[in-house]
Amino acid sequence: MPFHTTKDSTKLFYKDLGPKTAPHTVVFSHGWPLNSDDWDYQINFFLSQGYRCIAQDRRGHGRSEQPLKGNDMDQYADDLADLLNTLDVYNAIIIGHSTGGGEVARYLGRHGSSRVFKAVLISAVAPLMLQTEANPKGFPISVFDSFRSAMASDRAQFFVDVPSGPFFGFNRPGAKVSQGMIWRWWSMGMMCGYHSAYECIKAFSETDLGPDLKRIDIPVLVLHGDDDQVVPIDASGRRSAQLLKNGTLKEIAGGPHALHTIHPEEVNQAILAFVNKN
């Protein structure tokens, strides 16, 4: 399995699939507490379209090392920069889901867009999930404290409850529940280091990505479901589109947080159309 080593000597697993001569490389950043396997539907699609696809397991997640340090958005962005530098990637389309969307925003705000052609934020945690005076539509800190409490009490059960309910929208009346998706989420979540998963809750909930969004100078597609119970669209997708200099918002009716899993065809086609748009 391929690994690259970051500047702080952490070994991170990554996938590098498809032709290196492709005009564009699609780079994927996954959500909490998952790993690069969460992008199977998108990687398979873009490979069929002739693109090169790269995805890494974030530090502490999946097959990557589980350091006690660096479980924050700045380091996540720096790790993404190390990956693109190591593989010498240019003209990339970088796509992030949930926490991965925050990682993409922080990468562009922190490292610039010299290696990036366009970006896509899917159900992203940007600009800020935490409720503050300036962000009244966010969640109170008690919500994220309850996540930490549930992890400390019984992480294995918590990682059943999340995908069984709001993540996929399986708690909605009439939802078609897939037990396989639930256990797939659980298995990826349990691969994540406990400390990394715990610390990442602070990273995805309390990091203000508004200044990063304002600095981004490339076209960005914001994809968000209007029934996202995990990262509600009013405080995230719609607000992000307003802050971006060149942002395009596409709302998917009834879409849950796991937009790319529950509506893969719609998401894939929306991204492809965005990539091909002049």
Protein backbone atom coordinates (compact mmCIF):
# COMPACT_ATOMS: atom_id res chain seq x y z
CA MET A 1 0.00 0.00 0.00
CA PRO A 2 1.35 3.48 -0.83
CA PHE A 3 2.15 5.92 1.96
CA HIS A 4 3.66 9.37 1.95
CA THR A 5 5.45 10.97 4.87
CA THR A 6 4.44 14.43 6.02
CA LYS A 7 6.79 17.15 7.22
CA ASP A 8 6.18 16.06 10.83
CA SER A 9 7.13 12.46 9.92
CA THR A 10 3.59 11.02 9.94
CA LYS A 11 2.93 8.28 7.39
CA LEU A 12 -0.39 8.68 5.57
CA PHE A 13 -2.02 6.11 3.30
CA TYR A 14 -3.23 7.26 -0.11
CA LYS A 15 -4.70 5.92 -3.33
CA ASP A 16 -3.42 7.10 -6.71
CA LEU A 17 -5.50 5.63 -9.53
CA GLY A 18 -5.92 6.34 -13.22
CA PRO A 19 -3.66 7.88 -15.87
CA LYS A 20 -1.07 10.36 -14.63
CA THR A 21 -1.34 12.02 -18.05
CA ALA A 22 -4.99 12.98 -17.48
CA PRO A 23 -5.65 16.73 -18.01
CA HIS A 24 -6.99 16.99 -14.47
CA THR A 25 -6.55 15.06 -11.25
CA VAL A 26 -9.47 14.71 -8.86
CA VAL A 27 -8.36 14.77 -5.22
CA PHE A 28 -10.79 13.67 -2.50
CA SER A 29 -10.87 14.57 1.22
CA HIS A 30 -13.18 12.43 3.33
CA GLY A 31 -15.36 13.20 6.35
CA TRP A 32 -15.12 12.25 10.03
CA PRO A 33 -14.43 9.51 11.16
CA LEU A 34 -14.19 7.73 7.82
CA ASN A 35 -11.43 7.19 5.25
CA SER A 36 -10.75 7.32 1.52
CA ASP A 37 -12.96 4.27 0.88
CA ASP A 38 -15.95 6.57 1.46
CA TRP A 39 -15.32 7.96 -2.04
CA ASP A 40 -15.79 4.65 -3.87
CA TYR A 41 -18.78 5.85 -5.93
CA GLN A 42 -17.02 9.02 -7.03
CA ILE A 43 -13.62 7.44 -7.70
CA ASN A 44 -15.20 4.72 -9.82
CA PHE A 45 -17.15 7.30 -11.80
CA PHE A 46 -14.26 9.66 -12.48
CA LEU A 47 -11.95 6.81 -13.42
CA SER A 48 -14.54 5.82 -16.04
CA GLN A 49 -14.34 9.39 -17.37
CA GLY A 50 -10.55 9.17 -17.79
CA TYR A 51 -9.49 11.19 -14.75
CA ARG A 52 -6.67 10.48 -12.35
CA CYS A 53 -8.06 10.07 -8.82
CA ILE A 54 -6.18 10.57 -5.56
CA ALA A 55 -7.53 10.15 -2.04
CA GLN A 56 -5.75 9.81 1.28
CA ASP A 57 -6.76 8.62 4.72
CA ARG A 58 -6.52 11.66 6.99
CA ARG A 59 -4.03 11.38 9.85
CA GLY A 60 -5.50 9.23 12.58
CA HIS A 61 -8.08 7.76 10.18
CA GLY A 62 -8.20 4.53 8.22
CA ARG A 63 -4.81 3.04 7.38
CA SER A 64 -2.79 6.14 8.21
CA GLU A 65 -0.73 6.55 11.36
CA GLN A 66 -2.48 7.75 14.51
CA PRO A 67 -0.36 10.50 16.05
CA LEU A 68 -1.44 12.29 19.21
CA LYS A 69 -0.51 15.61 17.64
CA GLY A 70 -1.83 17.52 14.66
CA ASN A 71 -5.50 16.55 14.86
CA ASP A 72 -6.62 20.01 13.81
CA MET A 73 -7.68 21.77 10.61
CA ASP A 74 -4.35 23.52 10.04
CA GLN A 75 -2.46 20.23 10.09
CA TYR A 76 -5.08 18.50 7.94
CA ALA A 77 -4.56 21.24 5.33
CA ASP A 78 -0.79 20.93 5.61
CA ASP A 79 -1.05 17.15 5.12
CA LEU A 80 -3.07 17.72 1.95
CA ALA A 81 -0.40 20.15 0.76
CA ASP A 82 2.30 17.55 1.46
CA LEU A 83 0.37 14.98 -0.59
CA LEU A 84 -0.02 17.29 -3.61
CA ASN A 85 3.61 18.36 -3.38
CA THR A 86 4.88 14.78 -3.06
CA LEU A 87 2.88 13.61 -6.08
CA ASP A 88 3.58 16.87 -7.94
CA VAL A 89 -0.09 17.44 -8.73
CA TYR A 90 -1.22 20.48 -10.70
CA ASN A 91 -4.59 21.39 -12.30
CA ALA A 92 -6.36 19.49 -9.55
CA ILE A 93 -10.03 19.45 -8.75
CA ILE A 94 -10.14 19.05 -4.97
CA ILE A 95 -13.34 17.74 -3.42
CA GLY A 96 -14.14 17.58 0.27
CA HIS A 97 -17.10 16.14 2.16
CA SER A 98 -18.07 17.37 5.63
CA THR A 99 -14.82 17.68 7.64
CA GLY A 100 -13.02 17.12 4.33
CA GLY A 101 -14.77 20.20 2.98
CA GLY A 102 -13.33 22.16 5.87
CA GLU A 103 -9.92 20.71 5.07
CA VAL A 104 -10.23 21.84 1.45
CA ALA A 105 -11.29 25.35 2.49
CA ARG A 106 -8.41 25.65 4.96
CA TYR A 107 -5.94 24.26 2.38
CA LEU A 108 -6.94 26.91 -0.17
CA GLY A 109 -6.95 29.66 2.42
CA ARG A 110 -3.59 28.59 3.86
CA HIS A 111 -1.68 27.35 0.79
CA GLY A 112 -3.37 29.08 -2.13
CA SER A 113 -4.59 27.67 -5.43
CA SER A 114 -1.42 27.32 -7.50
CA ARG A 115 -1.99 23.56 -7.80
CA VAL A 116 -5.78 23.68 -8.01
CA PHE A 117 -8.12 24.28 -10.95
CA LYS A 118 -11.49 24.10 -9.19
CA ALA A 119 -12.89 22.93 -5.85
CA VAL A 120 -16.07 21.27 -4.62
CA LEU A 121 -17.50 21.43 -1.11
CA ILE A 122 -20.04 18.70 -0.32
CA SER A 123 -22.06 18.99 2.90
CA ALA A 124 -19.05 20.90 4.20
CA VAL A 125 -18.60 22.12 7.78
CA ALA A 126 -17.61 25.57 6.50
CA PRO A 127 -17.83 28.32 7.47
CA LEU A 128 -18.48 27.40 11.14
CA MET A 129 -20.63 24.80 12.88
CA LEU A 130 -20.45 26.25 16.38
CA GLN A 131 -23.12 28.71 17.47
CA THR A 132 -21.72 32.14 18.33
CA GLU A 133 -23.07 35.68 18.40
CA ALA A 134 -21.81 36.10 14.85
CA ASN A 135 -23.08 32.64 13.84
CA PRO A 136 -26.50 32.24 15.50
CA LYS A 137 -27.60 29.42 13.19
CA GLY A 138 -24.83 27.10 14.38
CA PHE A 139 -25.16 24.37 17.01
CA PRO A 140 -24.52 25.17 20.68
CA ILE A 141 -21.34 23.71 22.18
CA SER A 142 -23.49 21.26 24.18
CA VAL A 143 -24.16 19.34 20.94
CA PHE A 144 -20.48 18.67 20.38
CA ASP A 145 -19.94 17.98 24.07
CA SER A 146 -22.58 15.27 23.72
CA PHE A 147 -20.59 13.75 20.85
CA ARG A 148 -17.52 13.61 23.07
CA SER A 149 -19.54 12.17 25.93
CA ALA A 150 -21.02 9.48 23.69
CA MET A 151 -17.56 8.54 22.44
CA ALA A 152 -16.22 8.34 25.98
CA SER A 153 -19.18 6.25 27.10
CA ASP A 154 -19.45 3.76 24.21
CA ARG A 155 -17.80 4.68 20.94
CA ALA A 156 -18.86 1.46 19.22
CA GLN A 157 -22.56 2.12 19.91
CA PHE A 158 -22.24 5.82 19.04
CA PHE A 159 -20.78 4.77 15.69
CA VAL A 160 -23.88 2.65 15.10
CA ASP A 161 -26.28 5.40 16.12
CA VAL A 162 -24.87 8.10 13.82
CA PRO A 163 -25.25 6.22 10.49
CA SER A 164 -28.50 4.60 11.62
CA GLY A 165 -30.01 8.06 12.01
CA PRO A 166 -29.11 11.52 10.72
CA PHE A 167 -25.98 10.83 8.67
CA PHE A 168 -27.80 8.99 5.87
CA GLY A 169 -31.23 10.35 6.74
CA PHE A 170 -32.38 6.87 7.72
CA ASN A 171 -34.39 8.38 10.59
CA ARG A 172 -36.77 10.11 8.18
CA PRO A 173 -40.23 8.58 7.59
CA GLY A 174 -40.24 6.33 4.54
CA ALA A 175 -36.44 6.23 4.25
CA LYS A 176 -35.02 3.16 2.53
CA VAL A 177 -32.62 1.91 5.18
CA SER A 178 -29.47 0.04 4.12
CA GLN A 179 -27.98 -2.03 6.94
CA GLY A 180 -24.94 -2.52 4.76
CA MET A 181 -24.27 1.22 4.60
CA ILE A 182 -24.61 1.44 8.37
CA TRP A 183 -22.08 -1.31 9.00
CA ARG A 184 -19.76 0.02 6.32
CA TRP A 185 -19.76 3.41 8.09
CA TRP A 186 -19.24 1.68 11.44
CA SER A 187 -16.28 -0.35 10.15
CA MET A 188 -14.56 2.74 8.74
CA GLY A 189 -15.26 4.69 11.91
CA MET A 190 -13.81 2.01 14.14
CA MET A 191 -10.59 2.06 12.08
CA CYS A 192 -10.10 5.67 13.16
CA GLY A 193 -7.85 6.12 16.17
CA TYR A 194 -9.85 6.90 19.28
CA HIS A 195 -7.81 9.99 20.16
CA SER A 196 -7.90 11.24 16.58
CA ALA A 197 -11.67 10.79 16.34
CA TYR A 198 -12.17 12.55 19.67
CA GLU A 199 -9.94 15.52 18.82
CA CYS A 200 -11.42 15.86 15.33
CA ILE A 201 -14.79 16.78 16.88
CA LYS A 202 -13.24 20.06 18.03
CA ALA A 203 -11.57 20.55 14.65
CA PHE A 204 -14.75 20.19 12.60
CA SER A 205 -17.03 22.08 14.97
CA GLU A 206 -15.00 25.01 16.29
CA THR A 207 -12.77 26.02 13.36
CA ASP A 208 -13.88 29.27 11.74
CA LEU A 209 -13.35 28.81 8.01
CA GLY A 210 -15.03 32.05 6.97
CA PRO A 211 -11.75 33.91 6.35
CA ASP A 212 -10.50 30.98 4.25
CA LEU A 213 -13.61 31.02 2.07
CA LYS A 214 -13.17 34.74 1.44
CA ARG A 215 -9.57 34.21 0.27
CA ILE A 216 -10.37 31.49 -2.28
CA ASP A 217 -9.86 32.82 -5.81
CA ILE A 218 -10.93 29.83 -7.94
CA PRO A 219 -14.41 28.57 -8.89
CA VAL A 220 -16.02 26.52 -6.13
CA LEU A 221 -19.12 24.34 -6.38
CA VAL A 222 -21.06 24.09 -3.12
CA LEU A 223 -23.22 20.96 -3.03
CA HIS A 224 -25.59 20.59 -0.10
CA GLY A 225 -28.77 18.71 0.70
CA ASP A 226 -31.63 20.77 2.09
CA ASP A 227 -32.38 18.00 4.63
CA ASP A 228 -28.86 17.78 6.06
CA GLN A 229 -29.41 17.18 9.79
CA VAL A 230 -25.70 17.01 10.62
CA VAL A 231 -24.53 20.22 8.92
CA PRO A 232 -27.70 22.23 8.23
CA ILE A 233 -27.67 24.07 4.94
CA ASP A 234 -28.62 27.53 6.25
CA ALA A 235 -25.53 27.84 8.42
CA SER A 236 -23.19 26.11 6.00
CA GLY A 237 -23.80 25.61 2.29
CA ARG A 238 -25.86 28.76 1.73
CA ARG A 239 -23.55 30.86 3.87
CA SER A 240 -20.43 29.47 2.18
CA ALA A 241 -21.76 30.37 -1.25
CA GLN A 242 -22.25 33.95 -0.06
CA LEU A 243 -18.70 34.24 1.27
CA LEU A 244 -16.97 32.79 -1.80
CA LYS A 245 -15.80 35.15 -4.55
CA ASN A 246 -16.73 32.65 -7.25
CA GLY A 247 -19.07 30.15 -5.63
CA THR A 248 -21.96 28.23 -7.15
CA LEU A 249 -24.55 26.68 -4.85
CA LYS A 250 -26.46 23.58 -5.91
CA GLU A 251 -29.05 22.35 -3.46
CA ILE A 252 -30.33 18.79 -3.64
CA ALA A 253 -33.92 18.46 -2.47
CA GLY A 254 -34.28 16.03 0.41
CA GLY A 255 -30.55 15.37 0.42
CA PRO A 256 -29.06 14.16 3.73
CA HIS A 257 -25.54 14.73 5.00
CA ALA A 258 -24.16 11.71 3.11
CA LEU A 259 -25.08 13.36 -0.15
CA HIS A 260 -22.42 11.61 -2.24
CA THR A 261 -23.54 8.19 -0.98
CA ILE A 262 -27.31 8.54 -1.08
CA HIS A 263 -27.42 10.59 -4.31
CA PRO A 264 -24.19 9.51 -6.07
CA GLU A 265 -25.41 9.90 -9.66
CA GLU A 266 -26.73 13.42 -9.10
CA VAL A 267 -23.58 14.44 -7.25
CA ASN A 268 -21.24 12.91 -9.86
CA GLN A 269 -23.04 14.57 -12.76
CA ALA A 270 -23.11 17.93 -10.99
CA ILE A 271 -19.37 17.78 -10.37
CA LEU A 272 -18.64 16.68 -13.94
CA ALA A 273 -20.73 19.52 -15.38
CA PHE A 274 -18.95 21.98 -13.09
CA VAL A 275 -15.52 20.69 -14.09
CA ASN A 276 -16.37 20.94 -17.79
CA LYS A 277 -17.87 24.42 -17.54
CA ASN A 278 -15.71 27.17 -19.05
